[in-house]
Amino acid sequence: MKVAIRPARPEDRDAVIAIAAQIWEGNDYLPQVWDAWLADREGQLVVATLEGRPVAVGKLTRLGPEEWWLEGLRVDPAHQGQGIARQVHAHLVELAEQRGAGVLRFGTGSYNQAVHRLAARTGFRPIARYAFYRAEALDGPEEAGERSPSGPEVGPLRPVPPSAAPALWTLLEASPRFRAGHRLYEERWVWRTLTAARLEALLARKRVLGMTDEAGDWVGVAFVLPDREKERLRVGLLDGKEAALRPLAQALRRQAAVEGLSHVSVKVLDDPALTAALEEAGYQSAWEHQVIVFEHPLHAQHVPYNT
């Protein structure tokens, strides 16, 4: 079924929110981001219409000078299976190719074979797979040996100062997980490249927690990001030396209790050492599937990015 695709307008809100209400059991985040997405002048929010009424929505977001992200693709359940998602996806990919250089990415569920096929047809390749874990906040005194399950004792979890940025880069670049994950971290369902500027901004906002070894060297790091509901400790990156992963994960549970939060929620690269460390620290899989991040190279003439 052929649809008309155009930039979204303020008057489309009610129709789009009605679509979102039928997705994810009414827990779609789209209503909370509608105003910001509509006001975004670097990217583009579009709707697909039939007889003038929106039946689908999608968003192209510019994350940085050479980094783009596709998100928010929703189709009215009454019109699914009619090729509408394919048309919106193709429109946004073409728009990105016209506007920018660098890379275009998006994430989708590992179960979503139709989107995987669509990605392959439009020049995307899978680059990383992420698993979801959660654990209840952990109150009370530390147990003996909690911070040294294997290897040397590590220090308590604490904010990483901005001056430690070079040491963190060294730690992360030495991690096979960081490299295998294409140096991405997650924030609000968006996976973006960790750059020096982004690391400095996270450090300045006190969003980076870490642990050191007996020599004072950083051995574990976690990005702790704001939560809209203010009920969980959201972790967008958890990495470091393998021996530090379990005590780091355990310390994050205690940090959640300190902040009065109910649990820790983390999206991590689906790596055996990392998932094993989480499970040993009392975390459980929060979703039977994973998110696969796909990437497509862009070769358009560079368009200046307004910082």
C-alpha atoms as a PDB file:
ATOM      1  CA  MET A   1       0.000   0.000   0.000  1.00  0.00           C
ATOM      2  CA  LYS A   2       1.451   3.343  -1.084  1.00  0.00           C
ATOM      3  CA  VAL A   3       1.463   6.114   1.508  1.00  0.00           C
ATOM      4  CA  ALA A   4       2.352   9.801   1.426  1.00  0.00           C
ATOM      5  CA  ILE A   5       5.297  10.716   3.660  1.00  0.00           C
ATOM      6  CA  ARG A   6       5.814  14.273   4.904  1.00  0.00           C
ATOM      7  CA  PRO A   7       7.337  16.177   7.847  1.00  0.00           C
ATOM      8  CA  ALA A   8       5.244  15.874  10.992  1.00  0.00           C
ATOM      9  CA  ARG A   9       3.124  18.824  12.115  1.00  0.00           C
ATOM     10  CA  PRO A  10       1.820  19.836  15.554  1.00  0.00           C
ATOM     11  CA  GLU A  11      -1.702  18.799  14.563  1.00  0.00           C
ATOM     12  CA  ASP A  12      -0.493  15.210  13.962  1.00  0.00           C
ATOM     13  CA  ARG A  13       0.121  14.699  17.670  1.00  0.00           C
ATOM     14  CA  ASP A  14      -3.204  13.136  18.653  1.00  0.00           C
ATOM     15  CA  ALA A  15      -3.136  10.615  15.808  1.00  0.00           C
ATOM     16  CA  VAL A  16       0.469   9.632  16.529  1.00  0.00           C
ATOM     17  CA  ILE A  17      -0.127   9.317  20.275  1.00  0.00           C
ATOM     18  CA  ALA A  18      -3.115   7.085  19.502  1.00  0.00           C
ATOM     19  CA  ILE A  19      -0.789   4.819  17.496  1.00  0.00           C
ATOM     20  CA  ALA A  20       1.759   4.763  20.315  1.00  0.00           C
ATOM     21  CA  ALA A  21      -0.937   3.839  22.845  1.00  0.00           C
ATOM     22  CA  GLN A  22      -1.398   0.519  21.027  1.00  0.00           C
ATOM     23  CA  ILE A  23       2.309  -0.395  21.195  1.00  0.00           C
ATOM     24  CA  TRP A  24       4.309  -1.905  24.090  1.00  0.00           C
ATOM     25  CA  GLU A  25       1.102  -2.278  26.118  1.00  0.00           C
ATOM     26  CA  GLY A  26       0.727   1.491  26.271  1.00  0.00           C
ATOM     27  CA  ASN A  27       4.243   2.045  27.640  1.00  0.00           C
ATOM     28  CA  ASP A  28       5.716   3.640  24.524  1.00  0.00           C
ATOM     29  CA  TYR A  29       8.026   6.578  25.268  1.00  0.00           C
ATOM     30  CA  LEU A  30       6.968   8.447  22.119  1.00  0.00           C
ATOM     31  CA  PRO A  31       4.434  10.735  23.884  1.00  0.00           C
ATOM     32  CA  GLN A  32       7.220  12.016  26.155  1.00  0.00           C
ATOM     33  CA  VAL A  33       9.560  12.901  23.279  1.00  0.00           C
ATOM     34  CA  TRP A  34       7.018  14.169  20.730  1.00  0.00           C
ATOM     35  CA  ASP A  35       7.569  17.886  21.392  1.00  0.00           C
ATOM     36  CA  ALA A  36      11.369  17.592  21.317  1.00  0.00           C
ATOM     37  CA  TRP A  37      11.318  15.472  18.170  1.00  0.00           C
ATOM     38  CA  LEU A  38       8.961  17.870  16.429  1.00  0.00           C
ATOM     39  CA  ALA A  39      11.227  20.823  17.303  1.00  0.00           C
ATOM     40  CA  ASP A  40      14.417  19.078  16.115  1.00  0.00           C
ATOM     41  CA  ARG A  41      15.861  21.028  13.184  1.00  0.00           C
ATOM     42  CA  GLU A  42      18.947  18.849  12.734  1.00  0.00           C
ATOM     43  CA  GLY A  43      16.982  15.679  12.053  1.00  0.00           C
ATOM     44  CA  GLN A  44      13.478  15.015  10.777  1.00  0.00           C
ATOM     45  CA  LEU A  45      10.259  13.630  12.255  1.00  0.00           C
ATOM     46  CA  VAL A  46       7.957  12.295   9.536  1.00  0.00           C
ATOM     47  CA  VAL A  47       4.507  10.772   9.295  1.00  0.00           C
ATOM     48  CA  ALA A  48       3.069   8.485   6.655  1.00  0.00           C
ATOM     49  CA  THR A  49      -0.541   9.261   5.777  1.00  0.00           C
ATOM     50  CA  LEU A  50      -3.461   7.483   4.150  1.00  0.00           C
ATOM     51  CA  GLU A  51      -6.271   9.746   3.003  1.00  0.00           C
ATOM     52  CA  GLY A  52      -4.631  12.529   4.981  1.00  0.00           C
ATOM     53  CA  ARG A  53      -4.549  10.678   8.305  1.00  0.00           C
ATOM     54  CA  PRO A  54      -1.234   9.607   9.922  1.00  0.00           C
ATOM     55  CA  VAL A  55      -0.841   5.829  10.038  1.00  0.00           C
ATOM     56  CA  ALA A  56       2.903   5.670  10.775  1.00  0.00           C
ATOM     57  CA  VAL A  57       5.715   7.775  12.179  1.00  0.00           C
ATOM     58  CA  GLY A  58       9.507   7.689  12.086  1.00  0.00           C
ATOM     59  CA  LYS A  59      12.447   9.847  13.172  1.00  0.00           C
ATOM     60  CA  LEU A  60      15.900  10.613  11.793  1.00  0.00           C
ATOM     61  CA  THR A  61      18.164  12.046  14.511  1.00  0.00           C
ATOM     62  CA  ARG A  62      21.547  13.654  14.110  1.00  0.00           C
ATOM     63  CA  LEU A  63      23.761  12.621  17.018  1.00  0.00           C
ATOM     64  CA  GLY A  64      26.944  14.335  15.870  1.00  0.00           C
ATOM     65  CA  PRO A  65      28.854  15.636  12.851  1.00  0.00           C
ATOM     66  CA  GLU A  66      29.017  12.200  11.191  1.00  0.00           C
ATOM     67  CA  GLU A  67      26.614  10.117  13.266  1.00  0.00           C
ATOM     68  CA  TRP A  68      22.896   9.572  12.624  1.00  0.00           C
ATOM     69  CA  TRP A  69      20.248   7.408  14.269  1.00  0.00           C
ATOM     70  CA  LEU A  70      16.877   6.047  13.090  1.00  0.00           C
ATOM     71  CA  GLU A  71      14.228   5.698  15.784  1.00  0.00           C
ATOM     72  CA  GLY A  72      10.550   5.824  16.607  1.00  0.00           C
ATOM     73  CA  LEU A  73       9.309   3.808  13.629  1.00  0.00           C
ATOM     74  CA  ARG A  74       5.710   2.969  14.515  1.00  0.00           C
ATOM     75  CA  VAL A  75       2.856   1.746  12.323  1.00  0.00           C
ATOM     76  CA  ASP A  76      -0.812   1.713  13.288  1.00  0.00           C
ATOM     77  CA  PRO A  77      -1.590  -1.956  14.081  1.00  0.00           C
ATOM     78  CA  ALA A  78      -4.586  -1.722  11.742  1.00  0.00           C
ATOM     79  CA  HIS A  79      -2.187  -1.078   8.843  1.00  0.00           C
ATOM     80  CA  GLN A  80       0.721  -3.340   9.697  1.00  0.00           C
ATOM     81  CA  GLY A  81       1.868  -5.890   7.144  1.00  0.00           C
ATOM     82  CA  GLN A  82       1.146  -3.544   4.230  1.00  0.00           C
ATOM     83  CA  GLY A  83       4.699  -2.369   3.503  1.00  0.00           C
ATOM     84  CA  ILE A  84       4.298   0.968   5.281  1.00  0.00           C
ATOM     85  CA  ALA A  85       7.259   0.480   7.629  1.00  0.00           C
ATOM     86  CA  ARG A  86       9.422  -0.319   4.613  1.00  0.00           C
ATOM     87  CA  GLN A  87       8.412   2.943   2.911  1.00  0.00           C
ATOM     88  CA  VAL A  88       9.062   5.083   5.998  1.00  0.00           C
ATOM     89  CA  HIS A  89      12.414   3.372   6.598  1.00  0.00           C
ATOM     90  CA  ALA A  90      13.487   3.879   2.973  1.00  0.00           C
ATOM     91  CA  HIS A  91      12.430   7.534   3.093  1.00  0.00           C
ATOM     92  CA  LEU A  92      14.492   8.209   6.219  1.00  0.00           C
ATOM     93  CA  VAL A  93      17.531   6.374   4.847  1.00  0.00           C
ATOM     94  CA  GLU A  94      17.339   8.441   1.658  1.00  0.00           C
ATOM     95  CA  LEU A  95      16.997  11.606   3.730  1.00  0.00           C
ATOM     96  CA  ALA A  96      20.105  10.703   5.738  1.00  0.00           C
ATOM     97  CA  GLU A  97      22.057   9.980   2.566  1.00  0.00           C
ATOM     98  CA  GLN A  98      21.103  13.403   1.200  1.00  0.00           C
ATOM     99  CA  ARG A  99      21.928  15.276   4.400  1.00  0.00           C
ATOM    100  CA  GLY A 100      24.963  13.690   5.953  1.00  0.00           C
ATOM    101  CA  ALA A 101      28.198  11.766   5.820  1.00  0.00           C
ATOM    102  CA  GLY A 102      29.486   9.194   8.278  1.00  0.00           C
ATOM    103  CA  VAL A 103      27.272   6.416   9.632  1.00  0.00           C
ATOM    104  CA  LEU A 104      23.567   5.797  10.093  1.00  0.00           C
ATOM    105  CA  ARG A 105      22.495   3.306  12.773  1.00  0.00           C
ATOM    106  CA  PHE A 106      19.375   1.914  14.378  1.00  0.00           C
ATOM    107  CA  GLY A 107      18.484  -0.780  16.896  1.00  0.00           C
ATOM    108  CA  THR A 108      15.812  -3.458  16.712  1.00  0.00           C
ATOM    109  CA  GLY A 109      14.847  -6.627  18.537  1.00  0.00           C
ATOM    110  CA  SER A 110      16.684  -9.846  17.752  1.00  0.00           C
ATOM    111  CA  TYR A 111      13.295 -11.459  17.078  1.00  0.00           C
ATOM    112  CA  ASN A 112      12.336  -8.941  14.370  1.00  0.00           C
ATOM    113  CA  GLN A 113      13.318 -10.885  11.273  1.00  0.00           C
ATOM    114  CA  ALA A 114      11.295  -8.653   8.948  1.00  0.00           C
ATOM    115  CA  VAL A 115      13.320  -5.604  10.011  1.00  0.00           C
ATOM    116  CA  HIS A 116      16.559  -7.594   9.736  1.00  0.00           C
ATOM    117  CA  ARG A 117      15.709  -8.369   6.104  1.00  0.00           C
ATOM    118  CA  LEU A 118      14.781  -4.739   5.492  1.00  0.00           C
ATOM    119  CA  ALA A 119      18.108  -3.652   6.980  1.00  0.00           C
ATOM    120  CA  ALA A 120      20.037  -5.973   4.666  1.00  0.00           C
ATOM    121  CA  ARG A 121      18.141  -4.722   1.607  1.00  0.00           C
ATOM    122  CA  THR A 122      18.963  -1.105   2.452  1.00  0.00           C
ATOM    123  CA  GLY A 123      22.688  -1.576   3.020  1.00  0.00           C
ATOM    124  CA  PHE A 124      22.834  -2.069   6.793  1.00  0.00           C
ATOM    125  CA  ARG A 125      24.918  -4.667   8.607  1.00  0.00           C
ATOM    126  CA  PRO A 126      24.644  -5.818  12.238  1.00  0.00           C
ATOM    127  CA  ILE A 127      27.541  -4.561  14.359  1.00  0.00           C
ATOM    128  CA  ALA A 128      26.621  -5.360  17.976  1.00  0.00           C
ATOM    129  CA  ARG A 129      24.084  -7.211  20.100  1.00  0.00           C
ATOM    130  CA  TYR A 130      22.955  -5.985  23.538  1.00  0.00           C
ATOM    131  CA  ALA A 131      21.335  -7.880  26.406  1.00  0.00           C
ATOM    132  CA  PHE A 132      19.129  -6.395  29.146  1.00  0.00           C
ATOM    133  CA  TYR A 133      19.720  -7.208  32.804  1.00  0.00           C
ATOM    134  CA  ARG A 134      18.286  -5.967  36.072  1.00  0.00           C
ATOM    135  CA  ALA A 135      18.852  -6.511  39.783  1.00  0.00           C
ATOM    136  CA  GLU A 136      17.150  -5.287  42.919  1.00  0.00           C
ATOM    137  CA  ALA A 137      18.901  -2.623  44.967  1.00  0.00           C
ATOM    138  CA  LEU A 138      21.130  -4.178  47.615  1.00  0.00           C
ATOM    139  CA  ASP A 139      21.111  -2.655  51.080  1.00  0.00           C
ATOM    140  CA  GLY A 140      23.152  -3.529  54.149  1.00  0.00           C
ATOM    141  CA  PRO A 141      26.871  -4.047  54.810  1.00  0.00           C
ATOM    142  CA  GLU A 142      29.199  -5.529  52.238  1.00  0.00           C
ATOM    143  CA  GLU A 143      29.871  -9.227  52.513  1.00  0.00           C
ATOM    144  CA  ALA A 144      33.415 -10.465  53.081  1.00  0.00           C
ATOM    145  CA  GLY A 145      35.351 -10.643  49.834  1.00  0.00           C
ATOM    146  CA  GLU A 146      32.622  -8.888  47.855  1.00  0.00           C
ATOM    147  CA  ARG A 147      35.118  -6.577  46.188  1.00  0.00           C
ATOM    148  CA  SER A 148      37.720  -9.267  45.532  1.00  0.00           C
ATOM    149  CA  PRO A 149      35.968 -12.346  44.119  1.00  0.00           C
ATOM    150  CA  SER A 150      39.053 -12.983  42.003  1.00  0.00           C
ATOM    151  CA  GLY A 151      42.291 -11.061  41.791  1.00  0.00           C
ATOM    152  CA  PRO A 152      43.330  -8.046  43.887  1.00  0.00           C
ATOM    153  CA  GLU A 153      40.990  -6.084  46.134  1.00  0.00           C
ATOM    154  CA  VAL A 154      39.264  -3.161  44.414  1.00  0.00           C
ATOM    155  CA  GLY A 155      38.250   0.086  46.032  1.00  0.00           C
ATOM    156  CA  PRO A 156      34.702   1.369  46.600  1.00  0.00           C
ATOM    157  CA  LEU A 157      32.539   2.705  43.796  1.00  0.00           C
ATOM    158  CA  ARG A 158      32.940   6.471  43.454  1.00  0.00           C
ATOM    159  CA  PRO A 159      32.539   9.290  40.917  1.00  0.00           C
ATOM    160  CA  VAL A 160      35.380   9.459  38.432  1.00  0.00           C
ATOM    161  CA  PRO A 161      36.952  12.945  38.340  1.00  0.00           C
ATOM    162  CA  PRO A 162      37.361  14.722  34.974  1.00  0.00           C
ATOM    163  CA  SER A 163      41.132  14.542  35.385  1.00  0.00           C
ATOM    164  CA  ALA A 164      40.911  10.757  35.000  1.00  0.00           C
ATOM    165  CA  ALA A 165      39.642  10.929  31.397  1.00  0.00           C
ATOM    166  CA  PRO A 166      42.967   9.775  29.851  1.00  0.00           C
ATOM    167  CA  ALA A 167      43.159   6.823  32.242  1.00  0.00           C
ATOM    168  CA  LEU A 168      39.579   5.827  31.407  1.00  0.00           C
ATOM    169  CA  TRP A 169      40.350   5.912  27.692  1.00  0.00           C
ATOM    170  CA  THR A 170      43.305   3.626  28.285  1.00  0.00           C
ATOM    171  CA  LEU A 171      41.132   1.259  30.319  1.00  0.00           C
ATOM    172  CA  LEU A 172      38.325   1.155  27.761  1.00  0.00           C
ATOM    173  CA  GLU A 173      40.552   0.839  24.714  1.00  0.00           C
ATOM    174  CA  ALA A 174      42.189  -2.186  26.351  1.00  0.00           C
ATOM    175  CA  SER A 175      38.779  -3.866  26.704  1.00  0.00           C
ATOM    176  CA  PRO A 176      37.849  -6.375  23.984  1.00  0.00           C
ATOM    177  CA  ARG A 177      34.193  -5.662  24.776  1.00  0.00           C
ATOM    178  CA  PHE A 178      34.532  -1.936  24.123  1.00  0.00           C
ATOM    179  CA  ARG A 179      36.198  -2.595  20.783  1.00  0.00           C
ATOM    180  CA  ALA A 180      33.762  -5.356  19.794  1.00  0.00           C
ATOM    181  CA  GLY A 181      30.885  -3.003  20.578  1.00  0.00           C
ATOM    182  CA  HIS A 182      32.305  -0.365  18.208  1.00  0.00           C
ATOM    183  CA  ARG A 183      32.884   1.968  21.183  1.00  0.00           C
ATOM    184  CA  LEU A 184      29.140   2.511  21.651  1.00  0.00           C
ATOM    185  CA  TYR A 185      27.230   3.308  24.814  1.00  0.00           C
ATOM    186  CA  GLU A 186      23.480   3.495  25.357  1.00  0.00           C
ATOM    187  CA  GLU A 187      21.360   6.425  26.484  1.00  0.00           C
ATOM    188  CA  ARG A 188      17.558   6.345  26.272  1.00  0.00           C
ATOM    189  CA  TRP A 189      17.488   3.504  23.713  1.00  0.00           C
ATOM    190  CA  VAL A 190      20.044   5.243  21.495  1.00  0.00           C
ATOM    191  CA  TRP A 191      23.517   3.793  20.992  1.00  0.00           C
ATOM    192  CA  ARG A 192      26.124   6.431  20.198  1.00  0.00           C
ATOM    193  CA  THR A 193      29.890   6.492  19.760  1.00  0.00           C
ATOM    194  CA  LEU A 194      31.855   7.438  22.840  1.00  0.00           C
ATOM    195  CA  THR A 195      34.065  10.362  21.858  1.00  0.00           C
ATOM    196  CA  ALA A 196      36.499  12.381  23.949  1.00  0.00           C
ATOM    197  CA  ALA A 197      33.995  15.249  24.098  1.00  0.00           C
ATOM    198  CA  ARG A 198      31.171  12.967  25.226  1.00  0.00           C
ATOM    199  CA  LEU A 199      33.322  11.349  27.883  1.00  0.00           C
ATOM    200  CA  GLU A 200      34.328  14.767  29.201  1.00  0.00           C
ATOM    201  CA  ALA A 201      30.665  15.830  29.305  1.00  0.00           C
ATOM    202  CA  LEU A 202      29.643  12.679  31.185  1.00  0.00           C
ATOM    203  CA  LEU A 203      32.462  13.200  33.675  1.00  0.00           C
ATOM    204  CA  ALA A 204      31.486  16.845  34.175  1.00  0.00           C
ATOM    205  CA  ARG A 205      27.882  15.782  34.861  1.00  0.00           C
ATOM    206  CA  LYS A 206      29.128  13.205  37.400  1.00  0.00           C
ATOM    207  CA  ARG A 207      27.588  10.398  35.360  1.00  0.00           C
ATOM    208  CA  VAL A 208      30.678   8.180  35.459  1.00  0.00           C
ATOM    209  CA  LEU A 209      31.305   5.893  38.416  1.00  0.00           C
ATOM    210  CA  GLY A 210      34.356   3.704  38.770  1.00  0.00           C
ATOM    211  CA  MET A 211      36.560   1.518  40.926  1.00  0.00           C
ATOM    212  CA  THR A 212      40.333   1.455  41.347  1.00  0.00           C
ATOM    213  CA  ASP A 213      42.738  -1.300  42.316  1.00  0.00           C
ATOM    214  CA  GLU A 214      45.198  -1.256  45.211  1.00  0.00           C
ATOM    215  CA  ALA A 215      47.638   0.782  43.113  1.00  0.00           C
ATOM    216  CA  GLY A 216      45.012   3.458  42.431  1.00  0.00           C
ATOM    217  CA  ASP A 217      44.542   2.526  38.767  1.00  0.00           C
ATOM    218  CA  TRP A 218      41.005   2.548  37.365  1.00  0.00           C
ATOM    219  CA  VAL A 219      39.825  -1.022  36.715  1.00  0.00           C
ATOM    220  CA  GLY A 220      36.047  -0.689  36.274  1.00  0.00           C
ATOM    221  CA  VAL A 221      33.733   1.997  34.928  1.00  0.00           C
ATOM    222  CA  ALA A 222      29.975   2.515  34.578  1.00  0.00           C
ATOM    223  CA  PHE A 223      27.943   5.284  32.941  1.00  0.00           C
ATOM    224  CA  VAL A 224      24.941   6.057  35.154  1.00  0.00           C
ATOM    225  CA  LEU A 225      22.280   8.009  33.298  1.00  0.00           C
ATOM    226  CA  PRO A 226      19.087   9.883  34.286  1.00  0.00           C
ATOM    227  CA  ASP A 227      15.871   7.899  34.588  1.00  0.00           C
ATOM    228  CA  ARG A 228      12.582   9.558  33.626  1.00  0.00           C
ATOM    229  CA  GLU A 229      10.645   7.644  36.286  1.00  0.00           C
ATOM    230  CA  LYS A 230      13.372   8.178  38.922  1.00  0.00           C
ATOM    231  CA  GLU A 231      12.943   4.637  40.198  1.00  0.00           C
ATOM    232  CA  ARG A 232      15.961   2.786  38.804  1.00  0.00           C
ATOM    233  CA  LEU A 233      19.690   3.203  38.354  1.00  0.00           C
ATOM    234  CA  ARG A 234      20.129   3.173  34.564  1.00  0.00           C
ATOM    235  CA  VAL A 235      23.513   2.012  33.306  1.00  0.00           C
ATOM    236  CA  GLY A 236      24.482   2.769  29.703  1.00  0.00           C
ATOM    237  CA  LEU A 237      27.961   1.240  29.785  1.00  0.00           C
ATOM    238  CA  LEU A 238      29.639  -1.208  32.146  1.00  0.00           C
ATOM    239  CA  ASP A 239      33.193  -2.278  31.372  1.00  0.00           C
ATOM    240  CA  GLY A 240      36.740  -2.598  32.615  1.00  0.00           C
ATOM    241  CA  LYS A 241      39.156  -5.343  33.517  1.00  0.00           C
ATOM    242  CA  GLU A 242      37.440  -8.716  33.611  1.00  0.00           C
ATOM    243  CA  ALA A 243      38.206  -9.345  37.296  1.00  0.00           C
ATOM    244  CA  ALA A 244      36.511  -6.049  38.213  1.00  0.00           C
ATOM    245  CA  LEU A 245      33.225  -6.647  36.389  1.00  0.00           C
ATOM    246  CA  ARG A 246      31.499  -8.638  39.127  1.00  0.00           C
ATOM    247  CA  PRO A 247      32.408  -6.297  42.027  1.00  0.00           C
ATOM    248  CA  LEU A 248      31.456  -3.334  39.838  1.00  0.00           C
ATOM    249  CA  ALA A 249      28.039  -4.838  39.105  1.00  0.00           C
ATOM    250  CA  GLN A 250      27.567  -5.614  42.798  1.00  0.00           C
ATOM    251  CA  ALA A 251      28.545  -2.083  43.803  1.00  0.00           C
ATOM    252  CA  LEU A 252      25.966  -0.630  41.413  1.00  0.00           C
ATOM    253  CA  ARG A 253      23.242  -2.508  43.285  1.00  0.00           C
ATOM    254  CA  ARG A 254      24.410  -0.885  46.506  1.00  0.00           C
ATOM    255  CA  GLN A 255      24.567   2.502  44.783  1.00  0.00           C
ATOM    256  CA  ALA A 256      20.911   2.122  43.808  1.00  0.00           C
ATOM    257  CA  ALA A 257      20.019   1.579  47.466  1.00  0.00           C
ATOM    258  CA  VAL A 258      22.041   4.634  48.514  1.00  0.00           C
ATOM    259  CA  GLU A 259      20.080   6.750  46.012  1.00  0.00           C
ATOM    260  CA  GLY A 260      16.749   5.351  47.191  1.00  0.00           C
ATOM    261  CA  LEU A 261      16.080   3.553  43.907  1.00  0.00           C
ATOM    262  CA  SER A 262      14.386   0.183  43.568  1.00  0.00           C
ATOM    263  CA  HIS A 263      16.696  -1.558  41.111  1.00  0.00           C
ATOM    264  CA  VAL A 264      19.514  -1.384  38.567  1.00  0.00           C
ATOM    265  CA  SER A 265      18.763  -1.616  34.844  1.00  0.00           C
ATOM    266  CA  VAL A 266      21.623  -2.191  32.428  1.00  0.00           C
ATOM    267  CA  LYS A 267      21.978  -2.788  28.695  1.00  0.00           C
ATOM    268  CA  VAL A 268      25.305  -4.468  27.983  1.00  0.00           C
ATOM    269  CA  LEU A 269      27.111  -5.996  25.054  1.00  0.00           C
ATOM    270  CA  ASP A 270      26.069  -9.646  24.842  1.00  0.00           C
ATOM    271  CA  ASP A 271      29.519 -10.850  25.887  1.00  0.00           C
ATOM    272  CA  PRO A 272      30.021 -14.094  27.877  1.00  0.00           C
ATOM    273  CA  ALA A 273      32.417 -12.602  30.443  1.00  0.00           C
ATOM    274  CA  LEU A 274      30.191  -9.590  31.056  1.00  0.00           C
ATOM    275  CA  THR A 275      26.885 -11.451  31.291  1.00  0.00           C
ATOM    276  CA  ALA A 276      28.474 -14.084  33.559  1.00  0.00           C
ATOM    277  CA  ALA A 277      29.756 -11.343  35.874  1.00  0.00           C
ATOM    278  CA  LEU A 278      26.288  -9.801  36.048  1.00  0.00           C
ATOM    279  CA  GLU A 279      24.638 -13.115  36.849  1.00  0.00           C
ATOM    280  CA  GLU A 280      27.224 -13.860  39.548  1.00  0.00           C
ATOM    281  CA  ALA A 281      26.416 -10.448  41.048  1.00  0.00           C
ATOM    282  CA  GLY A 282      22.720 -11.334  41.286  1.00  0.00           C
ATOM    283  CA  TYR A 283      21.400  -9.847  38.048  1.00  0.00           C
ATOM    284  CA  GLN A 284      18.780 -11.583  35.933  1.00  0.00           C
ATOM    285  CA  SER A 285      17.935 -11.292  32.272  1.00  0.00           C
ATOM    286  CA  ALA A 286      15.176  -8.686  31.890  1.00  0.00           C
ATOM    287  CA  TRP A 287      14.234  -9.666  28.341  1.00  0.00           C
ATOM    288  CA  GLU A 288      14.424 -12.953  26.483  1.00  0.00           C
ATOM    289  CA  HIS A 289      15.627 -11.162  23.342  1.00  0.00           C
ATOM    290  CA  GLN A 290      18.434  -8.715  22.582  1.00  0.00           C
ATOM    291  CA  VAL A 291      18.726  -5.444  20.692  1.00  0.00           C
ATOM    292  CA  ILE A 292      20.805  -5.657  17.533  1.00  0.00           C
ATOM    293  CA  VAL A 293      22.425  -2.422  16.373  1.00  0.00           C
ATOM    294  CA  PHE A 294      22.691  -2.069  12.597  1.00  0.00           C
ATOM    295  CA  GLU A 295      24.983   0.335  10.743  1.00  0.00           C
ATOM    296  CA  HIS A 296      24.953   1.821   7.238  1.00  0.00           C
ATOM    297  CA  PRO A 297      27.738   4.031   5.794  1.00  0.00           C
ATOM    298  CA  LEU A 298      26.787   7.465   4.470  1.00  0.00           C
ATOM    299  CA  HIS A 299      28.752   9.173   1.717  1.00  0.00           C
ATOM    300  CA  ALA A 300      26.863  12.431   1.183  1.00  0.00           C
ATOM    301  CA  GLN A 301      28.619  15.779   1.188  1.00  0.00           C
ATOM    302  CA  HIS A 302      29.178  16.895   4.780  1.00  0.00           C
ATOM    303  CA  VAL A 303      26.549  19.242   6.206  1.00  0.00           C
ATOM    304  CA  PRO A 304      27.781  21.500   9.066  1.00  0.00           C
ATOM    305  CA  TYR A 305      26.556  20.353  12.465  1.00  0.00           C
ATOM    306  CA  ASN A 306      25.238  22.994  14.848  1.00  0.00           C
ATOM    307  CA  THR A 307      26.694  22.244  18.274  1.00  0.00           C
END
